C-alpha atoms as a PDB file:
ATOM      1  CA  MET A   1      90.611 100.410  93.825  1.00  0.00           C
ATOM      2  CA  THR A   2      91.928  99.776  90.347  1.00  0.00           C
ATOM      3  CA  ILE A   3      92.069  96.798  87.811  1.00  0.00           C
ATOM      4  CA  LEU A   4      94.308  97.365  85.315  1.00  0.00           C
ATOM      5  CA  GLU A   5      95.003  95.638  82.422  1.00  0.00           C
ATOM      6  CA  LEU A   6      98.349  94.669  80.726  1.00  0.00           C
ATOM      7  CA  ASP A   7      99.136  94.175  77.088  1.00  0.00           C
ATOM      8  CA  ASN A   8     102.201  91.846  77.231  1.00  0.00           C
ATOM      9  CA  ALA A   9     100.635  88.621  76.935  1.00  0.00           C
ATOM     10  CA  LYS A  10      97.690  89.808  74.388  1.00  0.00           C
ATOM     11  CA  PRO A  11      96.873  88.107  71.908  1.00  0.00           C
ATOM     12  CA  PHE A  12      96.926  84.756  73.987  1.00  0.00           C
ATOM     13  CA  PHE A  13      96.106  86.208  77.379  1.00  0.00           C
ATOM     14  CA  THR A  14      94.138  89.039  79.524  1.00  0.00           C
ATOM     15  CA  VAL A  15      96.129  89.969  82.000  1.00  0.00           C
ATOM     16  CA  SER A  16      95.352  91.995  85.070  1.00  0.00           C
ATOM     17  CA  MET A  17      96.724  93.282  88.447  1.00  0.00           C
ATOM     18  CA  ILE A  18      93.967  94.535  90.813  1.00  0.00           C
ATOM     19  CA  LYS A  19      94.670  96.514  93.510  1.00  0.00           C
ATOM     20  CA  ASP A  20      92.579  97.016  96.720  1.00  0.00           C
ATOM     21  CA  GLU A  21      89.178  95.616  95.538  1.00  0.00           C
ATOM     22  CA  ASP A  22      86.781  94.328  97.952  1.00  0.00           C
ATOM     23  CA  ASN A  23      84.938  91.988  95.610  1.00  0.00           C
ATOM     24  CA  VAL A  24      86.205  90.384  92.268  1.00  0.00           C
ATOM     25  CA  GLU A  25      83.986  88.516  90.007  1.00  0.00           C
ATOM     26  CA  VAL A  26      85.713  85.259  87.873  1.00  0.00           C
ATOM     27  CA  THR A  27      83.749  83.990  85.069  1.00  0.00           C
ATOM     28  CA  GLY A  28      85.667  81.472  82.848  1.00  0.00           C
ATOM     29  CA  LYS A  29      88.462  79.796  84.241  1.00  0.00           C
ATOM     30  CA  SER A  30      91.642  82.647  85.558  1.00  0.00           C
ATOM     31  CA  ILE A  31      94.771  82.032  87.156  1.00  0.00           C
ATOM     32  CA  ILE A  32      95.076  84.247  90.049  1.00  0.00           C
ATOM     33  CA  LEU A  33      98.453  84.995  91.898  1.00  0.00           C
ATOM     34  CA  ASN A  34      98.318  86.732  95.451  1.00  0.00           C
ATOM     35  CA  ILE A  35     101.209  89.321  95.822  1.00  0.00           C
ATOM     36  CA  ALA A  36      99.872  91.103  98.884  1.00  0.00           C
ATOM     37  CA  GLU A  37     100.543  89.930 102.436  1.00  0.00           C
ATOM     38  CA  MET A  38      97.046  89.740 103.293  1.00  0.00           C
ATOM     39  CA  PRO A  39      95.028  86.884 102.033  1.00  0.00           C
ATOM     40  CA  ILE A  40      92.616  86.461  99.350  1.00  0.00           C
ATOM     41  CA  PHE A  41      89.261  84.840 100.308  1.00  0.00           C
ATOM     42  CA  ILE A  42      87.820  82.463  98.111  1.00  0.00           C
ATOM     43  CA  MET A  43      84.546  80.480  99.475  1.00  0.00           C
ATOM     44  CA  GLU A  44      85.964  78.766 102.821  1.00  0.00           C
ATOM     45  CA  GLN A  45      89.620  79.067 101.547  1.00  0.00           C
ATOM     46  CA  LYS A  46      92.610  81.106 101.920  1.00  0.00           C
ATOM     47  CA  LEU A  47      95.026  82.374  99.092  1.00  0.00           C
ATOM     48  CA  GLU A  48      97.913  83.472 101.135  1.00  0.00           C
ATOM     49  CA  GLN A  49     101.171  85.789  99.816  1.00  0.00           C
ATOM     50  CA  LEU A  50     102.489  84.015  96.358  1.00  0.00           C
ATOM     51  CA  GLN A  51     100.158  81.340  96.150  1.00  0.00           C
ATOM     52  CA  SER A  52      97.930  80.814  93.055  1.00  0.00           C
ATOM     53  CA  VAL A  53      95.105  78.903  92.133  1.00  0.00           C
ATOM     54  CA  ILE A  54      92.706  78.280  88.607  1.00  0.00           C
ATOM     55  CA  LEU A  55      89.392  79.686  89.551  1.00  0.00           C
ATOM     56  CA  GLN A  56      86.337  79.491  87.462  1.00  0.00           C
ATOM     57  CA  ASN A  57      82.920  81.110  88.141  1.00  0.00           C
ATOM     58  CA  THR A  58      83.186  82.612  91.558  1.00  0.00           C
ATOM     59  CA  GLN A  59      84.260  85.635  93.728  1.00  0.00           C
ATOM     60  CA  MET A  60      87.475  86.877  95.292  1.00  0.00           C
ATOM     61  CA  ASN A  61      87.245  88.726  98.240  1.00  0.00           C
ATOM     62  CA  ASN A  62      89.476  90.956  99.666  1.00  0.00           C
ATOM     63  CA  VAL A  63      92.077  91.500  96.949  1.00  0.00           C
ATOM     64  CA  GLN A  64      94.769  93.729  98.151  1.00  0.00           C
ATOM     65  CA  HIS A  65      96.950  92.713  95.383  1.00  0.00           C
ATOM     66  CA  ALA A  66      96.745  90.118  92.716  1.00  0.00           C
ATOM     67  CA  ILE A  67      97.728  89.332  89.112  1.00  0.00           C
ATOM     68  CA  MET A  68      94.611  87.709  87.276  1.00  0.00           C
ATOM     69  CA  ILE A  69      95.149  85.946  83.747  1.00  0.00           C
ATOM     70  CA  GLU A  70      92.194  85.093  81.884  1.00  0.00           C
ATOM     71  CA  GLY A  71      91.431  82.894  78.794  1.00  0.00           C
ATOM     72  CA  ILE A  72      93.472  80.086  80.026  1.00  0.00           C
ATOM     73  CA  ASP A  73      90.539  77.927  78.796  1.00  0.00           C
ATOM     74  CA  SER A  74      90.580  79.738  75.367  1.00  0.00           C
ATOM     75  CA  HIS A  75      93.119  77.652  73.617  1.00  0.00           C
ATOM     76  CA  PRO A  76      91.787  73.779  72.812  1.00  0.00           C
ATOM     77  CA  ASP A  77      95.246  73.142  70.293  1.00  0.00           C
ATOM     78  CA  GLU A  78      97.953  73.894  73.210  1.00  0.00           C
ATOM     79  CA  ALA A  79     100.495  72.887  69.848  1.00  0.00           C
ATOM     80  CA  LYS A  80      98.909  75.562  67.662  1.00  0.00           C
ATOM     81  CA  LEU A  81      99.171  78.268  70.397  1.00  0.00           C
ATOM     82  CA  LEU A  82     102.614  77.668  71.458  1.00  0.00           C
ATOM     83  CA  GLU A  83     103.235  77.985  67.430  1.00  0.00           C
ATOM     84  CA  LYS A  84     101.645  81.578  67.452  1.00  0.00           C
ATOM     85  CA  VAL A  85     103.481  82.761  70.305  1.00  0.00           C
ATOM     86  CA  ARG A  86     106.775  81.644  68.947  1.00  0.00           C
ATOM     87  CA  GLU A  87     105.859  83.890  65.796  1.00  0.00           C
ATOM     88  CA  ILE A  88     105.669  86.672  68.116  1.00  0.00           C
ATOM     89  CA  TRP A  89     107.677  86.755  70.909  1.00  0.00           C
ATOM     90  CA  PRO A  90     111.382  86.930  70.265  1.00  0.00           C
ATOM     91  CA  SER A  91     114.006  84.690  71.490  1.00  0.00           C
ATOM     92  CA  ALA A  92     115.100  85.369  75.245  1.00  0.00           C
ATOM     93  CA  PHE A  93     118.875  85.443  73.835  1.00  0.00           C
ATOM     94  CA  ASP A  94     117.628  87.975  71.155  1.00  0.00           C
ATOM     95  CA  VAL A  95     116.491  89.950  73.998  1.00  0.00           C
ATOM     96  CA  ARG A  96     118.894  89.838  77.335  1.00  0.00           C
ATOM     97  CA  GLY A  97     122.011  88.408  75.652  1.00  0.00           C
ATOM     98  CA  GLU A  98     122.835  86.168  78.233  1.00  0.00           C
ATOM     99  CA  GLU A  99     125.245  83.802  76.944  1.00  0.00           C
ATOM    100  CA  ARG A 100     123.329  80.691  79.013  1.00  0.00           C
ATOM    101  CA  LEU A 101     120.113  81.557  76.663  1.00  0.00           C
ATOM    102  CA  ARG A 102     122.324  81.317  73.171  1.00  0.00           C
ATOM    103  CA  GLY A 103     120.589  78.725  70.913  1.00  0.00           C
ATOM    104  CA  ILE A 104     117.874  77.489  73.448  1.00  0.00           C
ATOM    105  CA  GLY A 105     113.953  77.264  72.063  1.00  0.00           C
ATOM    106  CA  HIS A 106     113.204  80.072  74.902  1.00  0.00           C
ATOM    107  CA  TYR A 107     110.736  82.973  73.850  1.00  0.00           C
ATOM    108  CA  MET A 108     109.649  86.016  75.907  1.00  0.00           C
ATOM    109  CA  SER A 109     107.054  88.317  76.252  1.00  0.00           C
ATOM    110  CA  PRO A 110     107.514  92.111  76.740  1.00  0.00           C
ATOM    111  CA  LYS A 111     108.403  93.105  80.307  1.00  0.00           C
ATOM    112  CA  ILE A 112     105.906  94.961  81.925  1.00  0.00           C
ATOM    113  CA  TRP A 113     106.902  97.018  85.508  1.00  0.00           C
ATOM    114  CA  ILE A 114     104.077  98.637  87.239  1.00  0.00           C
ATOM    115  CA  GLY A 115     106.008 100.273  90.393  1.00  0.00           C
ATOM    116  CA  GLN A 116     108.112  97.673  91.737  1.00  0.00           C
ATOM    117  CA  ILE A 117     106.757  94.540  90.163  1.00  0.00           C
ATOM    118  CA  GLY A 118     107.947  93.563  86.707  1.00  0.00           C
ATOM    119  CA  ILE A 119     105.741  90.609  84.916  1.00  0.00           C
ATOM    120  CA  THR A 120     107.309  88.649  82.014  1.00  0.00           C
ATOM    121  CA  PHE A 121     105.852  85.926  79.928  1.00  0.00           C
ATOM    122  CA  TYR A 122     107.947  83.068  78.895  1.00  0.00           C
ATOM    123  CA  HIS A 123     107.474  80.265  76.664  1.00  0.00           C
ATOM    124  CA  ALA A 124     109.868  77.055  76.752  1.00  0.00           C
ATOM    125  CA  ALA A 125     109.582  75.552  73.385  1.00  0.00           C
ATOM    126  CA  THR A 126     112.034  72.569  73.768  1.00  0.00           C
ATOM    127  CA  VAL A 127     112.214  69.552  76.176  1.00  0.00           C
ATOM    128  CA  PRO A 128     114.495  69.504  78.008  1.00  0.00           C
ATOM    129  CA  LEU A 129     114.820  73.262  78.113  1.00  0.00           C
ATOM    130  CA  ASN A 130     118.662  73.428  79.435  1.00  0.00           C
ATOM    131  CA  VAL A 131     118.621  77.065  80.121  1.00  0.00           C
ATOM    132  CA  GLY A 132     121.272  76.950  82.495  1.00  0.00           C
ATOM    133  CA  LEU A 133     121.608  77.366  86.071  1.00  0.00           C
ATOM    134  CA  HIS A 134     121.675  80.867  87.667  1.00  0.00           C
ATOM    135  CA  ARG A 135     121.420  82.523  91.197  1.00  0.00           C
ATOM    136  CA  PHE A 136     122.174  86.019  90.718  1.00  0.00           C
ATOM    137  CA  HIS A 137     120.250  89.242  89.516  1.00  0.00           C
ATOM    138  CA  ASP A 138     122.643  91.815  88.588  1.00  0.00           C
ATOM    139  CA  PHE A 139     120.124  94.902  88.019  1.00  0.00           C
ATOM    140  CA  CYS A 140     119.068  94.787  91.606  1.00  0.00           C
ATOM    141  CA  PRO A 141     122.426  95.649  93.680  1.00  0.00           C
ATOM    142  CA  VAL A 142     120.670  96.035  97.052  1.00  0.00           C
ATOM    143  CA  ASP A 143     119.255  93.167  99.233  1.00  0.00           C
ATOM    144  CA  GLY A 144     115.986  91.847  99.418  1.00  0.00           C
ATOM    145  CA  PHE A 145     115.091  91.224  95.540  1.00  0.00           C
ATOM    146  CA  ARG A 146     112.004  88.405  95.304  1.00  0.00           C
ATOM    147  CA  GLU A 147     110.909  86.339  92.259  1.00  0.00           C
ATOM    148  CA  VAL A 148     108.620  83.697  91.868  1.00  0.00           C
ATOM    149  CA  HIS A 149     107.067  81.846  88.586  1.00  0.00           C
ATOM    150  CA  THR A 150     103.760  81.115  87.732  1.00  0.00           C
ATOM    151  CA  GLN A 151     102.938  78.044  85.426  1.00  0.00           C
ATOM    152  CA  ILE A 152     100.327  79.072  82.457  1.00  0.00           C
ATOM    153  CA  VAL A 153     100.713  76.397  80.019  1.00  0.00           C
ATOM    154  CA  GLY A 154     102.006  72.994  79.865  1.00  0.00           C
ATOM    155  CA  PHE A 155     104.088  71.553  82.537  1.00  0.00           C
ATOM    156  CA  GLY A 156     107.573  71.828  84.434  1.00  0.00           C
ATOM    157  CA  LYS A 157     109.690  72.219  87.193  1.00  0.00           C
ATOM    158  CA  MET A 158     111.714  74.367  89.292  1.00  0.00           C
ATOM    159  CA  GLN A 159     115.017  72.617  90.274  1.00  0.00           C
ATOM    160  CA  GLN A 160     117.494  73.847  93.279  1.00  0.00           C
ATOM    161  CA  TYR A 161     121.124  72.881  93.348  1.00  0.00           C
ATOM    162  CA  ARG A 162     124.162  72.957  95.314  1.00  0.00           C
ATOM    163  CA  GLU A 163     126.212  73.878  93.326  1.00  0.00           C
ATOM    164  CA  ARG A 164     126.382  75.361  89.323  1.00  0.00           C
ATOM    165  CA  ASP A 165     126.406  71.749  88.457  1.00  0.00           C
ATOM    166  CA  ILE A 166     123.340  69.814  87.584  1.00  0.00           C
ATOM    167  CA  ASP A 167     124.509  66.554  89.449  1.00  0.00           C
ATOM    168  CA  THR A 168     124.091  68.521  92.749  1.00  0.00           C
ATOM    169  CA  LEU A 169     119.877  69.046  92.450  1.00  0.00           C
ATOM    170  CA  TYR A 170     118.654  69.001  96.230  1.00  0.00           C
ATOM    171  CA  LEU A 171     114.910  70.029  95.333  1.00  0.00           C
ATOM    172  CA  GLU A 172     112.520  69.950  92.346  1.00  0.00           C
ATOM    173  CA  GLU A 173     108.915  71.288  92.518  1.00  0.00           C
ATOM    174  CA  PRO A 174     106.509  70.230  89.693  1.00  0.00           C
ATOM    175  CA  MET A 175     104.741  72.923  87.737  1.00  0.00           C
ATOM    176  CA  ALA A 176     101.300  72.450  86.516  1.00  0.00           C
ATOM    177  CA  PRO A 177      99.139  75.229  85.180  1.00  0.00           C
ATOM    178  CA  GLY A 178      98.045  77.237  87.934  1.00  0.00           C
ATOM    179  CA  THR A 179     101.035  76.590  90.318  1.00  0.00           C
ATOM    180  CA  THR A 180     103.067  78.961  91.468  1.00  0.00           C
ATOM    181  CA  HIS A 181     106.321  77.524  93.044  1.00  0.00           C
ATOM    182  CA  ARG A 182     107.274  78.250  96.669  1.00  0.00           C
ATOM    183  CA  PRO A 183     109.722  81.250  97.248  1.00  0.00           C
ATOM    184  CA  MET A 184     113.519  80.212  97.389  1.00  0.00           C
ATOM    185  CA  TYR A 185     115.302  83.325  98.473  1.00  0.00           C
ATOM    186  CA  ASP A 186     116.224  83.893 101.803  1.00  0.00           C
ATOM    187  CA  GLU A 187     115.499  87.263 103.500  1.00  0.00           C
ATOM    188  CA  LYS A 188     118.066  88.996 101.820  1.00  0.00           C
ATOM    189  CA  GLY A 189     117.467  88.000  98.407  1.00  0.00           C
ATOM    190  CA  ASN A 190     119.740  85.540  98.109  1.00  0.00           C
ATOM    191  CA  TYR A 191     119.098  82.854  95.927  1.00  0.00           C
ATOM    192  CA  PRO A 192     120.271  78.959  95.113  1.00  0.00           C
ATOM    193  CA  TRP A 193     121.576  77.876  91.891  1.00  0.00           C
ATOM    194  CA  HIS A 194     118.318  77.355  90.392  1.00  0.00           C
ATOM    195  CA  GLN A 195     116.528  76.976  87.196  1.00  0.00           C
ATOM    196  CA  PHE A 196     113.065  76.196  85.234  1.00  0.00           C
ATOM    197  CA  GLU A 197     113.208  72.765  83.617  1.00  0.00           C
ATOM    198  CA  THR A 198     110.311  71.791  80.899  1.00  0.00           C
ATOM    199  CA  ILE A 199     108.667  68.392  81.155  1.00  0.00           C
ATOM    200  CA  THR A 200     106.203  69.667  78.209  1.00  0.00           C
ATOM    201  CA  PRO A 201     106.528  73.112  75.852  1.00  0.00           C
ATOM    202  CA  SER A 202     105.180  75.653  78.218  1.00  0.00           C
ATOM    203  CA  ILE A 203     104.509  79.010  79.021  1.00  0.00           C
ATOM    204  CA  PHE A 204     105.322  80.677  82.736  1.00  0.00           C
ATOM    205  CA  MET A 205     105.053  84.017  83.911  1.00  0.00           C
ATOM    206  CA  ALA A 206     107.714  85.265  85.991  1.00  0.00           C
ATOM    207  CA  VAL A 207     106.688  87.809  88.780  1.00  0.00           C
ATOM    208  CA  GLU A 208     109.910  89.923  90.103  1.00  0.00           C
ATOM    209  CA  MET A 209     109.564  92.179  92.673  1.00  0.00           C
ATOM    210  CA  LEU A 210     111.987  95.147  93.637  1.00  0.00           C
ATOM    211  CA  PRO A 211     112.695  96.545  97.157  1.00  0.00           C
ATOM    212  CA  GLU A 212     111.597 100.068  97.493  1.00  0.00           C
ATOM    213  CA  GLY A 213     114.128 102.585  96.540  1.00  0.00           C
ATOM    214  CA  VAL A 214     115.343 100.539  93.672  1.00  0.00           C
ATOM    215  CA  VAL A 215     114.762 101.813  89.987  1.00  0.00           C
ATOM    216  CA  PRO A 216     113.622  99.098  87.730  1.00  0.00           C
ATOM    217  CA  PRO A 217     115.579  98.373  84.900  1.00  0.00           C
ATOM    218  CA  LYS A 218     115.203  99.913  81.853  1.00  0.00           C
ATOM    219  CA  LEU A 219     112.902  97.922  79.318  1.00  0.00           C
END
């Protein structure tokens, strides 16, 4: 039974990875993402794998593997919060060097790997973000890579495309705080062309899940 506190979202949020806990008390408002195959039970509700909710002053039961983000109600001035984030987190282009990110108002926290799970927070600062369509994850050379995104602050949308062309949009999911989009990969880890797009300046969490046997990339 473990509750491991991560430090990559500090000082803005408290993030914990929870494993094998029968009961977890939630005080204040927190976002919970279930990354286990078994559901988490909250009162009469079930939180299934890769689903997320906002909980407040309640108890979770049967928490086999989850991520909890606390402090989401600690920032009454959202614009001020995002300004402070931009002062601390580097641009995603400076960290990752991807051409599609050049000149984009897109910032990222340090990435933390816990076993096969990678957790990163991103601040999408501009509207529209126009971060560019992508579908490949070169650091995972075998089948089975999985990734989902959870909205923390602000509003956005996860978009899927038939081709690498914004005119081929075929599916769009609204993202509000506490929302995780439905998995978009198939059983082999193949993705459609996709992008996150802002509705308002926002923060979201990316959770990357490597198949067993794949070594997480060096940070």
